[in-house]
Amino acid sequence: MHLFHYNAAARIPAHVQLEEQVKVALALGKLRPGDLLPSIRNVEDELGVGRMLVRKAYQQLQDAGLVRIIHGKGAVVTGQARANGRVTEKAEALIQRVLAELRSEGLDPVTFARILHQRLLEDDARAPRILCIDSSEVLARELGDQIQQALGVHVRAMSVTKLRRYRTSVTADTQVLVDYYYLADVRRILDGRTRGIYPVSWDYDAAFIERIRSLPLGSSLLLLFYASSLKEQGTLLAIDALLDRVKEREFQVDVKAVENVGSLARLARSRYAAVVVSNRVWDEHAAALEAHPATFWRLASRLNHQSLDAIRDRLGFVL
């Protein structure tokens, strides 16, 4: 099967063109779970696209959960990469009607597609219909960026606190994705403004966990939260889950409220090998914390792609 083509005249980066072509092939059923994508070398030779760009496209497809890169074998389509049959069928029918009308009007379909694509990108950037909500601005942006990459559309992000102030900006056609823990809060805040409120889950970022695990055995570690957060069951469970990941390192762990530790600059010179900072604290103290990157580590998270896959159909996305 001829999978890829490359339009050097387009203003779309090569790796994005390749990534989108795989998504379309999946949507139309031309690629199925277990299929092997062309090798990076073959794509490079056939299209004249740099190897690093092909590798970037494949890596982003893997990050989105659509392929798995296996050493010695290549990029294999995963079981998660299923087409939304209902949406695909509707889209194909609409495409046929549009093509017929373009021919009757004497318009070039490829030129029309370029104009339409640019217009849709502009509209999507101006008024994203996907809204990501989480406990803090920095965490909402982080997860929003990951959702944006997975779905291929712009995503607006805000904290639960900010949502309370700007609830009127949420329209009926907004699709809201929120951490399971804050689902009930968001439903109360929006109070029927939109019925499209869907829970997603997250996990600690693997690179972040490995960074902690790289500390010497028995190191002193401080977890820094707001006092109010330490009264929430969700925070306590999240702390337990984090410590369970690194329990064999036998760290000496303290958990403190930022209100009780005094100067952050002085804390940076303390005995702790690392101070892991909650996202809500990072929101308010980013400048002081970023001045000491070796000491202060933000609690980094990753979207659970399976939870996003579970609601793709309801969101109306093919992939």
Protein backbone atom coordinates (compact mmCIF):
# COMPACT_ATOMS: atom_id res chain seq x y z
CA MET A 1 0.00 0.00 0.00
CA HIS A 2 1.28 3.45 -0.93
CA LEU A 3 0.89 5.32 2.36
CA PHE A 4 2.85 8.56 2.18
CA HIS A 5 3.20 11.51 -0.12
CA TYR A 6 4.97 14.80 0.56
CA ASN A 7 3.99 18.23 -0.70
CA ALA A 8 7.10 20.39 -0.43
CA ALA A 9 5.13 23.47 -1.52
CA ALA A 10 2.74 23.23 1.42
CA ARG A 11 3.37 25.33 4.51
CA ILE A 12 2.74 22.28 6.70
CA PRO A 13 5.93 20.75 8.16
CA ALA A 14 6.93 17.40 6.68
CA HIS A 15 6.58 15.47 9.93
CA VAL A 16 3.05 16.83 10.43
CA GLN A 17 2.09 15.78 6.88
CA LEU A 18 3.32 12.24 7.55
CA GLU A 19 1.60 12.04 10.93
CA GLU A 20 -1.73 13.24 9.52
CA GLN A 21 -1.54 10.80 6.60
CA VAL A 22 -1.24 7.90 9.04
CA LYS A 23 -4.27 9.18 10.98
CA VAL A 24 -6.33 9.44 7.79
CA ALA A 25 -5.27 5.94 6.71
CA LEU A 26 -6.41 4.65 10.11
CA ALA A 27 -9.69 6.53 9.86
CA LEU A 28 -10.45 5.01 6.45
CA GLY A 29 -9.45 1.51 7.54
CA LYS A 30 -6.43 1.38 5.22
CA LEU A 31 -4.27 0.76 8.27
CA ARG A 32 -5.32 -1.61 11.04
CA PRO A 33 -3.90 -2.74 14.38
CA GLY A 34 -0.82 -4.89 13.80
CA ASP A 35 0.11 -3.29 10.46
CA LEU A 36 3.72 -2.19 10.07
CA LEU A 37 4.49 1.34 8.85
CA PRO A 38 7.17 1.78 6.18
CA SER A 39 10.67 1.93 7.61
CA ILE A 40 12.19 5.33 8.28
CA ARG A 41 14.87 4.62 5.65
CA ASN A 42 12.25 3.73 3.01
CA VAL A 43 10.24 6.89 3.68
CA GLU A 44 13.41 8.97 3.54
CA ASP A 45 14.47 7.43 0.22
CA GLU A 46 11.03 7.57 -1.37
CA LEU A 47 10.02 11.11 -0.38
CA GLY A 48 13.37 12.83 0.14
CA VAL A 49 12.32 13.80 3.67
CA GLY A 50 15.05 13.96 6.30
CA ARG A 51 15.34 10.94 8.56
CA MET A 52 14.94 13.02 11.72
CA LEU A 53 11.61 14.40 10.46
CA VAL A 54 10.31 10.91 9.70
CA ARG A 55 11.48 9.77 13.13
CA LYS A 56 9.72 12.76 14.72
CA ALA A 57 6.45 11.88 12.97
CA TYR A 58 6.67 8.27 14.17
CA GLN A 59 7.55 9.36 17.70
CA GLN A 60 4.55 11.68 17.86
CA LEU A 61 2.31 8.88 16.62
CA GLN A 62 3.70 6.72 19.41
CA ASP A 63 3.14 9.50 21.97
CA ALA A 64 -0.48 9.65 20.80
CA GLY A 65 -0.83 5.91 21.39
CA LEU A 66 -1.40 5.10 17.70
CA VAL A 67 1.79 3.15 16.98
CA ARG A 68 4.41 1.35 18.99
CA ILE A 69 8.05 1.58 17.92
CA ILE A 70 9.68 -1.83 18.42
CA HIS A 71 13.45 -2.09 18.13
CA GLY A 72 14.42 -4.32 15.24
CA LYS A 73 10.90 -4.38 13.81
CA GLY A 74 9.71 -0.81 13.26
CA ALA A 75 6.53 1.16 13.95
CA VAL A 76 3.52 -1.11 14.49
CA VAL A 77 -0.08 0.14 14.62
CA THR A 78 -1.44 -0.45 18.13
CA GLY A 79 -4.76 -1.92 19.19
CA GLN A 80 -5.84 1.55 20.37
CA ALA A 81 -5.70 2.92 16.81
CA ARG A 82 -9.30 2.21 15.85
CA ALA A 83 -11.38 4.23 13.46
CA ASN A 84 -14.66 5.75 14.60
CA GLY A 85 -16.90 4.07 12.05
CA ARG A 86 -19.90 6.36 12.53
CA VAL A 87 -17.90 9.57 12.14
CA THR A 88 -15.87 8.15 9.25
CA GLU A 89 -19.02 7.09 7.38
CA LYS A 90 -20.59 10.53 7.81
CA ALA A 91 -17.38 12.26 6.74
CA GLU A 92 -17.03 10.08 3.63
CA ALA A 93 -20.63 10.80 2.57
CA LEU A 94 -20.10 14.54 3.03
CA ILE A 95 -16.84 14.40 1.06
CA GLN A 96 -18.62 12.79 -1.88
CA ARG A 97 -21.30 15.51 -1.88
CA VAL A 98 -18.69 18.28 -1.69
CA LEU A 99 -16.63 16.75 -4.52
CA ALA A 100 -19.71 16.57 -6.72
CA GLU A 101 -20.53 20.22 -6.04
CA LEU A 102 -16.94 21.33 -6.66
CA ARG A 103 -16.96 19.59 -10.04
CA SER A 104 -20.26 21.21 -10.95
CA GLU A 105 -18.81 24.63 -10.04
CA GLY A 106 -15.57 23.99 -11.93
CA LEU A 107 -13.40 24.36 -8.80
CA ASP A 108 -10.17 22.42 -8.27
CA PRO A 109 -10.72 20.09 -5.25
CA VAL A 110 -7.08 20.23 -4.09
CA THR A 111 -7.04 24.04 -4.10
CA PHE A 112 -10.36 24.08 -2.25
CA ALA A 113 -8.99 21.61 0.32
CA ARG A 114 -5.98 23.84 1.01
CA ILE A 115 -8.19 26.89 1.50
CA LEU A 116 -10.61 24.94 3.71
CA HIS A 117 -7.79 23.46 5.79
CA GLN A 118 -6.30 26.89 6.45
CA ARG A 119 -9.70 28.33 7.34
CA LEU A 120 -10.46 25.48 9.74
CA LEU A 121 -7.08 25.89 11.45
CA GLU A 122 -7.76 29.61 11.91
CA ASP A 123 -11.25 29.01 13.29
CA ASP A 124 -10.02 26.26 15.61
CA ALA A 125 -7.20 28.46 16.95
CA ARG A 126 -9.56 31.40 17.48
CA ALA A 127 -12.26 29.45 19.32
CA PRO A 128 -11.13 26.00 20.47
CA ARG A 129 -14.09 23.81 21.39
CA ILE A 130 -12.03 21.53 23.63
CA LEU A 131 -11.43 22.79 27.18
CA CYS A 132 -9.06 21.00 29.59
CA ILE A 133 -9.61 21.57 33.33
CA ASP A 134 -7.39 20.54 36.23
CA SER A 135 -6.34 21.71 39.67
CA SER A 136 -3.77 24.28 38.52
CA GLU A 137 -3.02 26.41 35.49
CA VAL A 138 0.35 24.77 34.83
CA LEU A 139 -1.07 21.23 35.07
CA ALA A 140 -4.10 22.09 32.92
CA ARG A 141 -1.77 23.52 30.25
CA GLU A 142 0.48 20.47 30.43
CA LEU A 143 -2.38 18.00 30.00
CA GLY A 144 -4.06 20.29 27.46
CA ASP A 145 -0.93 20.23 25.30
CA GLN A 146 -0.94 16.43 25.41
CA ILE A 147 -4.65 16.28 24.48
CA GLN A 148 -3.98 18.76 21.68
CA GLN A 149 -1.23 16.55 20.30
CA ALA A 150 -3.37 13.43 20.55
CA LEU A 151 -6.47 14.92 18.90
CA GLY A 152 -4.78 17.30 16.47
CA VAL A 153 -6.91 20.31 17.47
CA HIS A 154 -6.37 23.38 19.63
CA VAL A 155 -7.19 22.95 23.31
CA ARG A 156 -7.95 25.70 25.80
CA ALA A 157 -6.81 25.05 29.37
CA MET A 158 -7.62 26.53 32.75
CA SER A 159 -7.64 25.68 36.45
CA VAL A 160 -10.78 24.90 38.43
CA THR A 161 -10.35 28.25 40.21
CA LYS A 162 -10.19 30.16 36.92
CA LEU A 163 -13.21 28.25 35.59
CA ARG A 164 -15.28 29.63 38.46
CA ARG A 165 -14.43 33.17 37.26
CA TYR A 166 -14.87 32.53 33.56
CA ARG A 167 -17.69 30.00 33.48
CA THR A 168 -19.67 32.21 31.09
CA SER A 169 -16.99 31.66 28.43
CA VAL A 170 -18.03 28.00 28.24
CA THR A 171 -20.62 27.64 25.49
CA ALA A 172 -23.06 24.83 24.77
CA ASP A 173 -20.80 23.31 22.09
CA THR A 174 -17.70 23.26 24.33
CA GLN A 175 -16.33 19.80 25.09
CA VAL A 176 -14.82 19.80 28.60
CA LEU A 177 -12.18 17.26 29.61
CA VAL A 178 -11.43 17.15 33.32
CA ASP A 179 -9.45 15.08 35.80
CA TYR A 180 -11.76 12.46 37.39
CA TYR A 181 -11.15 13.93 40.81
CA TYR A 182 -12.59 17.33 39.84
CA LEU A 183 -15.43 16.04 37.65
CA ALA A 184 -18.16 16.72 40.22
CA ASP A 185 -16.77 20.21 40.96
CA VAL A 186 -16.74 21.14 37.27
CA ARG A 187 -20.28 19.87 36.77
CA ARG A 188 -21.45 22.03 39.66
CA ILE A 189 -19.60 25.10 38.38
CA LEU A 190 -20.94 24.80 34.82
CA ASP A 191 -24.41 23.75 36.00
CA GLY A 192 -25.75 22.61 32.64
CA ARG A 193 -23.98 25.20 30.46
CA THR A 194 -22.66 22.26 28.43
CA ARG A 195 -23.50 18.57 28.55
CA GLY A 196 -20.12 17.67 27.06
CA ILE A 197 -18.14 17.09 30.27
CA TYR A 198 -15.92 14.00 30.15
CA PRO A 199 -13.46 12.60 32.70
CA VAL A 200 -9.89 11.70 31.77
CA SER A 201 -7.18 10.20 33.93
CA TRP A 202 -3.48 10.86 34.24
CA ASP A 203 -0.35 9.29 35.61
CA TYR A 204 3.03 10.56 36.72
CA ASP A 205 5.36 11.33 33.84
CA ALA A 206 7.78 8.43 33.37
CA ALA A 207 10.79 10.73 32.91
CA PHE A 208 9.87 12.55 36.13
CA ILE A 209 9.68 9.28 38.07
CA GLU A 210 13.04 8.18 36.68
CA ARG A 211 14.57 11.50 37.67
CA ILE A 212 13.50 10.93 41.27
CA ARG A 213 14.67 7.34 41.18
CA SER A 214 18.09 8.55 40.01
CA LEU A 215 18.70 10.22 43.39
CA PRO A 216 21.10 8.37 45.71
CA LEU A 217 19.60 5.67 47.88
CA GLY A 218 18.18 7.08 51.10
CA SER A 219 18.20 10.72 49.93
CA SER A 220 16.15 13.34 51.78
CA LEU A 221 13.12 14.41 49.74
CA LEU A 222 10.57 17.15 50.44
CA LEU A 223 7.07 17.24 48.92
CA LEU A 224 5.69 20.78 48.95
CA PHE A 225 1.95 21.55 48.80
CA TYR A 226 -0.50 24.18 49.97
CA ALA A 227 -1.91 23.49 53.43
CA SER A 228 -5.44 23.35 51.96
CA SER A 229 -4.35 20.70 49.43
CA LEU A 230 -2.99 18.50 52.21
CA LYS A 231 -6.53 18.34 53.63
CA GLU A 232 -7.87 16.85 50.37
CA GLN A 233 -8.17 13.10 50.06
CA GLY A 234 -7.15 13.24 46.41
CA THR A 235 -3.83 14.92 47.26
CA LEU A 236 -3.05 12.36 49.94
CA LEU A 237 -3.81 9.49 47.56
CA ALA A 238 -1.63 11.08 44.86
CA ILE A 239 1.26 11.38 47.36
CA ASP A 240 0.85 7.73 48.34
CA ALA A 241 0.89 6.70 44.67
CA LEU A 242 4.09 8.69 44.06
CA LEU A 243 5.90 7.28 47.06
CA ASP A 244 4.86 3.76 46.10
CA ARG A 245 6.69 4.22 42.77
CA VAL A 246 9.98 4.93 44.51
CA LYS A 247 9.66 2.96 47.75
CA GLU A 248 12.65 0.72 47.03
CA ARG A 249 14.90 3.82 47.02
CA GLU A 250 14.29 4.19 50.77
CA PHE A 251 14.10 7.99 50.62
CA GLN A 252 13.67 10.07 53.76
CA VAL A 253 10.48 11.90 52.81
CA ASP A 254 8.91 14.99 54.40
CA VAL A 255 5.58 16.47 53.31
CA LYS A 256 5.10 20.15 54.18
CA ALA A 257 2.86 23.09 53.42
CA VAL A 258 4.51 25.94 51.53
CA GLU A 259 3.03 28.39 54.05
CA ASN A 260 5.21 26.82 56.74
CA VAL A 261 8.64 26.61 55.10
CA GLY A 262 9.61 30.27 55.01
CA SER A 263 11.86 31.62 52.24
CA LEU A 264 12.01 29.48 49.10
CA ALA A 265 15.52 30.78 48.40
CA ARG A 266 16.65 29.51 51.80
CA LEU A 267 14.83 26.22 51.22
CA ALA A 268 16.84 25.79 48.00
CA ARG A 269 20.00 25.65 50.15
CA SER A 270 18.58 23.12 52.60
CA ARG A 271 19.59 19.50 53.18
CA TYR A 272 17.04 18.12 50.73
CA ALA A 273 18.37 16.43 47.60
CA ALA A 274 15.21 17.58 45.82
CA VAL A 275 12.03 19.47 46.62
CA VAL A 276 9.07 18.16 44.62
CA VAL A 277 6.55 20.97 44.18
CA SER A 278 2.84 20.59 43.50
CA ASN A 279 1.46 22.25 40.39
CA ARG A 280 -0.76 24.60 42.39
CA VAL A 281 2.24 25.87 44.36
CA TRP A 282 4.21 26.19 41.12
CA ASP A 283 1.43 28.37 39.68
CA GLU A 284 1.95 31.00 42.37
CA HIS A 285 5.71 30.78 42.93
CA ALA A 286 7.12 29.91 39.49
CA ALA A 287 9.68 32.72 39.37
CA ALA A 288 11.27 31.82 42.70
CA LEU A 289 11.19 28.08 41.99
CA GLU A 290 12.61 28.32 38.47
CA ALA A 291 15.58 30.25 39.86
CA HIS A 292 16.75 26.98 41.47
CA PRO A 293 16.05 24.23 38.90
CA ALA A 294 18.46 21.77 40.49
CA THR A 295 16.50 21.76 43.75
CA PHE A 296 12.86 22.43 42.86
CA TRP A 297 11.18 19.83 40.64
CA ARG A 298 7.64 20.28 39.44
CA LEU A 299 5.29 17.33 39.90
CA ALA A 300 4.99 16.37 36.21
CA SER A 301 2.07 14.32 34.87
CA ARG A 302 1.11 12.56 31.65
CA LEU A 303 -2.30 12.02 30.13
CA ASN A 304 -3.59 8.45 30.21
CA HIS A 305 -4.30 7.93 26.51
CA GLN A 306 -6.58 4.99 27.15
CA SER A 307 -8.99 7.23 29.04
CA LEU A 308 -8.99 9.63 26.07
CA ASP A 309 -9.52 6.77 23.61
CA ALA A 310 -12.56 5.70 25.61
CA ILE A 311 -14.36 9.00 24.86
CA ARG A 312 -13.15 9.76 21.31
CA ASP A 313 -16.44 8.69 19.75
CA ARG A 314 -18.44 10.90 22.09
CA LEU A 315 -16.16 13.81 21.30
CA GLY A 316 -16.75 13.25 17.59
CA PHE A 317 -13.13 12.53 16.66
CA VAL A 318 -12.20 9.85 14.19
CA LEU A 319 -8.83 9.25 15.88
